[in-house]
Amino acid sequence: MKKKRKSVKAAPKSHSRGQGTGRGDNPDPSRRRFFTTARNSAIAVAVLGGGGWYLVDTVRATMAEHDLSRLGTGTPAIVQIHDPQCRLCIALQKEARKALDHFDDGQLDYIVANIRTPEGGALAAKYGVSHVTLLLFDAKGNMVEVLNGPRDEKILLSAFTAHYNTYPKAKAVN
């Protein structure tokens, strides 16, 4: 008596290496997972790096904008006496920046004196002014004009242009 053999179904043949049968099977899941993780990690690094660069750049610009030691360094300056919690100060700052966009870098320095800091408060007290005020300084650091109250871009542009034309940037001495 002969024993009957049980028939064994053969597994379907996979196509060439790296291609599935189209039914969702993955010939090498660890390799695919590695490349997916690598791609996602590269994207995360790029996004975080870009965000970090932007943040560092913004912090540096803000620190430079609040550096009162820039007065009298050879460039005429516009100093805003500013209270960061005052809506009129914020509006004046926005209009002043729009007006300053019409000038080339280095023609005028824009400096913010925050009256809530000791340095900013001391500068405001020295000139007897309060917030919502712009002080215009010549290249040597002498205060030459005071603009009180909120103003729009056109008026500020006119004032800044007249200021620059009257007190241009000092020429470097060799």
C-alpha atoms as a PDB file:
ATOM      1  CA  MET A   1       0.000   0.000   0.000  1.00  0.00           C
ATOM      2  CA  LYS A   2       1.257   3.316  -1.016  1.00  0.00           C
ATOM      3  CA  LYS A   3       0.939   6.358   1.174  1.00  0.00           C
ATOM      4  CA  LYS A   4      -0.723   9.365  -0.299  1.00  0.00           C
ATOM      5  CA  ARG A   5       1.362  12.452  -0.198  1.00  0.00           C
ATOM      6  CA  LYS A   6      -0.168  15.638   0.956  1.00  0.00           C
ATOM      7  CA  SER A   7       0.129  18.329  -1.625  1.00  0.00           C
ATOM      8  CA  VAL A   8       1.785  21.506  -0.500  1.00  0.00           C
ATOM      9  CA  LYS A   9       0.862  24.723  -2.216  1.00  0.00           C
ATOM     10  CA  ALA A  10       3.857  26.681  -3.314  1.00  0.00           C
ATOM     11  CA  ALA A  11       4.120  30.266  -2.193  1.00  0.00           C
ATOM     12  CA  PRO A  12       3.567  32.746  -4.981  1.00  0.00           C
ATOM     13  CA  LYS A  13       6.768  33.776  -6.609  1.00  0.00           C
ATOM     14  CA  SER A  14       7.764  37.309  -5.933  1.00  0.00           C
ATOM     15  CA  HIS A  15       8.852  39.454  -8.770  1.00  0.00           C
ATOM     16  CA  SER A  16      12.329  40.883  -8.939  1.00  0.00           C
ATOM     17  CA  ARG A  17      14.040  42.087  -5.750  1.00  0.00           C
ATOM     18  CA  GLY A  18      12.571  45.335  -4.406  1.00  0.00           C
ATOM     19  CA  GLN A  19       9.191  44.951  -6.088  1.00  0.00           C
ATOM     20  CA  GLY A  20       6.160  43.565  -4.381  1.00  0.00           C
ATOM     21  CA  THR A  21       3.259  41.720  -5.894  1.00  0.00           C
ATOM     22  CA  GLY A  22       1.056  44.772  -5.676  1.00  0.00           C
ATOM     23  CA  ARG A  23      -0.868  43.301  -2.739  1.00  0.00           C
ATOM     24  CA  GLY A  24       0.876  45.427  -0.103  1.00  0.00           C
ATOM     25  CA  ASP A  25       3.611  42.962   0.739  1.00  0.00           C
ATOM     26  CA  ASN A  26       7.064  44.399   1.251  1.00  0.00           C
ATOM     27  CA  PRO A  27      10.089  42.265   0.412  1.00  0.00           C
ATOM     28  CA  ASP A  28      12.424  44.131   2.802  1.00  0.00           C
ATOM     29  CA  PRO A  29      10.482  46.075   5.432  1.00  0.00           C
ATOM     30  CA  SER A  30      13.560  46.993   7.466  1.00  0.00           C
ATOM     31  CA  ARG A  31      15.221  48.670   4.480  1.00  0.00           C
ATOM     32  CA  ARG A  32      12.091  50.632   3.597  1.00  0.00           C
ATOM     33  CA  ARG A  33      11.641  51.677   7.227  1.00  0.00           C
ATOM     34  CA  PHE A  34      15.271  52.846   7.343  1.00  0.00           C
ATOM     35  CA  PHE A  35      14.912  55.044   4.244  1.00  0.00           C
ATOM     36  CA  THR A  36      11.567  56.436   5.424  1.00  0.00           C
ATOM     37  CA  THR A  37      13.070  57.279   8.799  1.00  0.00           C
ATOM     38  CA  ALA A  38      16.142  58.812   7.158  1.00  0.00           C
ATOM     39  CA  ARG A  39      13.982  60.959   4.863  1.00  0.00           C
ATOM     40  CA  ASN A  40      11.746  62.130   7.714  1.00  0.00           C
ATOM     41  CA  SER A  41      14.767  62.883   9.877  1.00  0.00           C
ATOM     42  CA  ALA A  42      16.376  64.937   7.099  1.00  0.00           C
ATOM     43  CA  ILE A  43      13.173  66.937   6.663  1.00  0.00           C
ATOM     44  CA  ALA A  44      12.936  67.523  10.431  1.00  0.00           C
ATOM     45  CA  VAL A  45      16.565  68.684  10.612  1.00  0.00           C
ATOM     46  CA  ALA A  46      16.010  71.099   7.715  1.00  0.00           C
ATOM     47  CA  VAL A  47      12.839  72.541   9.242  1.00  0.00           C
ATOM     48  CA  LEU A  48      14.321  72.882  12.732  1.00  0.00           C
ATOM     49  CA  GLY A  49      17.574  74.299  11.355  1.00  0.00           C
ATOM     50  CA  GLY A  50      15.731  76.873   9.270  1.00  0.00           C
ATOM     51  CA  GLY A  51      13.537  77.834  12.207  1.00  0.00           C
ATOM     52  CA  GLY A  52      16.568  78.097  14.472  1.00  0.00           C
ATOM     53  CA  TRP A  53      18.431  80.252  11.952  1.00  0.00           C
ATOM     54  CA  TYR A  54      15.419  82.575  11.640  1.00  0.00           C
ATOM     55  CA  LEU A  55      15.103  82.834  15.419  1.00  0.00           C
ATOM     56  CA  VAL A  56      18.801  83.604  15.921  1.00  0.00           C
ATOM     57  CA  ASP A  57      18.712  86.194  13.135  1.00  0.00           C
ATOM     58  CA  THR A  58      15.640  87.863  14.649  1.00  0.00           C
ATOM     59  CA  VAL A  59      17.163  87.949  18.136  1.00  0.00           C
ATOM     60  CA  ARG A  60      20.395  89.479  16.790  1.00  0.00           C
ATOM     61  CA  ALA A  61      18.465  92.144  14.876  1.00  0.00           C
ATOM     62  CA  THR A  62      16.398  92.992  17.941  1.00  0.00           C
ATOM     63  CA  MET A  63      19.500  93.218  20.133  1.00  0.00           C
ATOM     64  CA  ALA A  64      21.204  95.522  17.615  1.00  0.00           C
ATOM     65  CA  GLU A  65      18.079  97.657  17.357  1.00  0.00           C
ATOM     66  CA  HIS A  66      18.090  98.191  21.134  1.00  0.00           C
ATOM     67  CA  ASP A  67      21.817  98.981  21.351  1.00  0.00           C
ATOM     68  CA  LEU A  68      21.960 102.603  22.498  1.00  0.00           C
ATOM     69  CA  SER A  69      25.764 102.621  22.216  1.00  0.00           C
ATOM     70  CA  ARG A  70      25.329 103.029  18.449  1.00  0.00           C
ATOM     71  CA  LEU A  71      24.553 106.740  18.979  1.00  0.00           C
ATOM     72  CA  GLY A  72      27.352 108.997  17.791  1.00  0.00           C
ATOM     73  CA  THR A  73      29.235 106.355  15.815  1.00  0.00           C
ATOM     74  CA  GLY A  74      29.235 108.263  12.525  1.00  0.00           C
ATOM     75  CA  THR A  75      25.707 107.553  11.266  1.00  0.00           C
ATOM     76  CA  PRO A  76      22.701 109.814  11.872  1.00  0.00           C
ATOM     77  CA  ALA A  77      20.175 108.035  14.053  1.00  0.00           C
ATOM     78  CA  ILE A  78      16.459 107.881  14.704  1.00  0.00           C
ATOM     79  CA  VAL A  79      15.759 106.818  18.296  1.00  0.00           C
ATOM     80  CA  GLN A  80      12.257 105.804  19.245  1.00  0.00           C
ATOM     81  CA  ILE A  81      11.348 106.226  22.895  1.00  0.00           C
ATOM     82  CA  HIS A  82       9.192 103.133  23.122  1.00  0.00           C
ATOM     83  CA  ASP A  83       6.924 101.345  25.563  1.00  0.00           C
ATOM     84  CA  PRO A  84       6.300  97.808  24.237  1.00  0.00           C
ATOM     85  CA  GLN A  85       2.877  97.731  25.907  1.00  0.00           C
ATOM     86  CA  CYS A  86       1.679 100.975  24.290  1.00  0.00           C
ATOM     87  CA  ARG A  87      -0.417 100.552  21.143  1.00  0.00           C
ATOM     88  CA  LEU A  88       0.520 104.059  19.922  1.00  0.00           C
ATOM     89  CA  CYS A  89       4.224 103.203  20.305  1.00  0.00           C
ATOM     90  CA  ILE A  90       3.754 100.017  18.317  1.00  0.00           C
ATOM     91  CA  ALA A  91       1.893 101.924  15.579  1.00  0.00           C
ATOM     92  CA  LEU A  92       4.636 104.594  15.462  1.00  0.00           C
ATOM     93  CA  GLN A  93       7.296 101.882  15.241  1.00  0.00           C
ATOM     94  CA  LYS A  94       5.484 100.245  12.322  1.00  0.00           C
ATOM     95  CA  GLU A  95       5.214 103.563  10.443  1.00  0.00           C
ATOM     96  CA  ALA A  96       8.851 104.479  11.203  1.00  0.00           C
ATOM     97  CA  ARG A  97      10.070 101.139   9.832  1.00  0.00           C
ATOM     98  CA  LYS A  98       8.018 101.624   6.657  1.00  0.00           C
ATOM     99  CA  ALA A  99       9.586 105.083   6.186  1.00  0.00           C
ATOM    100  CA  LEU A 100      13.073 103.719   6.862  1.00  0.00           C
ATOM    101  CA  ASP A 101      12.572 101.068   4.166  1.00  0.00           C
ATOM    102  CA  HIS A 102      13.103 103.904   1.649  1.00  0.00           C
ATOM    103  CA  PHE A 103      16.718 104.311   2.811  1.00  0.00           C
ATOM    104  CA  ASP A 104      19.715 102.129   2.062  1.00  0.00           C
ATOM    105  CA  ASP A 105      21.317 100.107   4.850  1.00  0.00           C
ATOM    106  CA  GLY A 106      23.761 102.265   6.769  1.00  0.00           C
ATOM    107  CA  GLN A 107      22.254 105.638   5.842  1.00  0.00           C
ATOM    108  CA  LEU A 108      20.281 105.984   9.082  1.00  0.00           C
ATOM    109  CA  ASP A 109      20.429 103.961  12.283  1.00  0.00           C
ATOM    110  CA  TYR A 110      17.089 103.048  13.837  1.00  0.00           C
ATOM    111  CA  ILE A 111      17.384 102.489  17.558  1.00  0.00           C
ATOM    112  CA  VAL A 112      14.634 101.608  20.015  1.00  0.00           C
ATOM    113  CA  ALA A 113      14.949 102.909  23.579  1.00  0.00           C
ATOM    114  CA  ASN A 114      12.570 100.792  25.655  1.00  0.00           C
ATOM    115  CA  ILE A 115      11.470 102.967  28.589  1.00  0.00           C
ATOM    116  CA  ARG A 116      10.936  99.835  30.679  1.00  0.00           C
ATOM    117  CA  THR A 117      14.700  99.209  30.729  1.00  0.00           C
ATOM    118  CA  PRO A 118      17.129 101.292  32.814  1.00  0.00           C
ATOM    119  CA  GLU A 119      19.029 102.487  29.718  1.00  0.00           C
ATOM    120  CA  GLY A 120      15.890 103.460  27.790  1.00  0.00           C
ATOM    121  CA  GLY A 121      14.348 105.180  30.800  1.00  0.00           C
ATOM    122  CA  ALA A 122      17.569 107.122  31.408  1.00  0.00           C
ATOM    123  CA  LEU A 123      17.699 108.296  27.770  1.00  0.00           C
ATOM    124  CA  ALA A 124      14.064 109.459  27.890  1.00  0.00           C
ATOM    125  CA  ALA A 125      14.716 111.289  31.172  1.00  0.00           C
ATOM    126  CA  LYS A 126      17.906 112.898  29.801  1.00  0.00           C
ATOM    127  CA  TYR A 127      15.935 114.558  26.994  1.00  0.00           C
ATOM    128  CA  GLY A 128      12.732 115.076  29.005  1.00  0.00           C
ATOM    129  CA  VAL A 129      10.492 113.060  26.708  1.00  0.00           C
ATOM    130  CA  SER A 130       8.022 110.235  27.158  1.00  0.00           C
ATOM    131  CA  HIS A 131       7.012 107.318  24.975  1.00  0.00           C
ATOM    132  CA  VAL A 132       5.524 107.769  21.456  1.00  0.00           C
ATOM    133  CA  THR A 133       8.476 110.013  20.610  1.00  0.00           C
ATOM    134  CA  LEU A 134      11.230 109.968  18.007  1.00  0.00           C
ATOM    135  CA  LEU A 135      14.556 111.661  18.690  1.00  0.00           C
ATOM    136  CA  LEU A 136      16.712 112.540  15.685  1.00  0.00           C
ATOM    137  CA  PHE A 137      20.472 112.535  16.260  1.00  0.00           C
ATOM    138  CA  ASP A 138      23.285 113.696  13.986  1.00  0.00           C
ATOM    139  CA  ALA A 139      26.267 111.488  13.126  1.00  0.00           C
ATOM    140  CA  LYS A 140      28.172 112.731  16.214  1.00  0.00           C
ATOM    141  CA  GLY A 141      25.361 111.783  18.595  1.00  0.00           C
ATOM    142  CA  ASN A 142      23.915 115.265  19.183  1.00  0.00           C
ATOM    143  CA  MET A 143      20.119 115.349  19.469  1.00  0.00           C
ATOM    144  CA  VAL A 144      18.829 117.802  16.856  1.00  0.00           C
ATOM    145  CA  GLU A 145      15.056 117.261  16.662  1.00  0.00           C
ATOM    146  CA  VAL A 146      12.131 115.771  18.567  1.00  0.00           C
ATOM    147  CA  LEU A 147       9.038 114.307  16.889  1.00  0.00           C
ATOM    148  CA  ASN A 148       6.252 113.760  19.437  1.00  0.00           C
ATOM    149  CA  GLY A 149       3.179 111.625  18.892  1.00  0.00           C
ATOM    150  CA  PRO A 150       2.043 109.154  16.265  1.00  0.00           C
ATOM    151  CA  ARG A 151       2.747 109.991  12.617  1.00  0.00           C
ATOM    152  CA  ASP A 152       2.220 108.210   9.349  1.00  0.00           C
ATOM    153  CA  GLU A 153       4.831 106.909   6.934  1.00  0.00           C
ATOM    154  CA  LYS A 154       4.681 109.873   4.524  1.00  0.00           C
ATOM    155  CA  ILE A 155       5.278 112.470   7.223  1.00  0.00           C
ATOM    156  CA  LEU A 156       8.071 110.388   8.747  1.00  0.00           C
ATOM    157  CA  LEU A 157       9.695 109.798   5.362  1.00  0.00           C
ATOM    158  CA  SER A 158       9.741 113.549   4.754  1.00  0.00           C
ATOM    159  CA  ALA A 159      11.237 114.208   8.202  1.00  0.00           C
ATOM    160  CA  PHE A 160      13.830 111.420   7.873  1.00  0.00           C
ATOM    161  CA  THR A 161      14.858 112.591   4.392  1.00  0.00           C
ATOM    162  CA  ALA A 162      15.310 116.181   5.606  1.00  0.00           C
ATOM    163  CA  HIS A 163      17.261 114.873   8.608  1.00  0.00           C
ATOM    164  CA  TYR A 164      19.571 112.766   6.436  1.00  0.00           C
ATOM    165  CA  ASN A 165      20.122 115.591   3.953  1.00  0.00           C
ATOM    166  CA  THR A 166      20.990 118.004   6.785  1.00  0.00           C
ATOM    167  CA  TYR A 167      23.124 115.577   8.812  1.00  0.00           C
ATOM    168  CA  PRO A 168      24.589 113.006   6.396  1.00  0.00           C
ATOM    169  CA  LYS A 169      26.706 110.079   7.463  1.00  0.00           C
ATOM    170  CA  ALA A 170      30.154 111.154   8.633  1.00  0.00           C
ATOM    171  CA  LYS A 171      33.007 110.314   6.317  1.00  0.00           C
ATOM    172  CA  ALA A 172      35.586 107.901   7.619  1.00  0.00           C
ATOM    173  CA  VAL A 173      38.968 109.410   8.422  1.00  0.00           C
ATOM    174  CA  ASN A 174      41.883 107.378   7.069  1.00  0.00           C
END
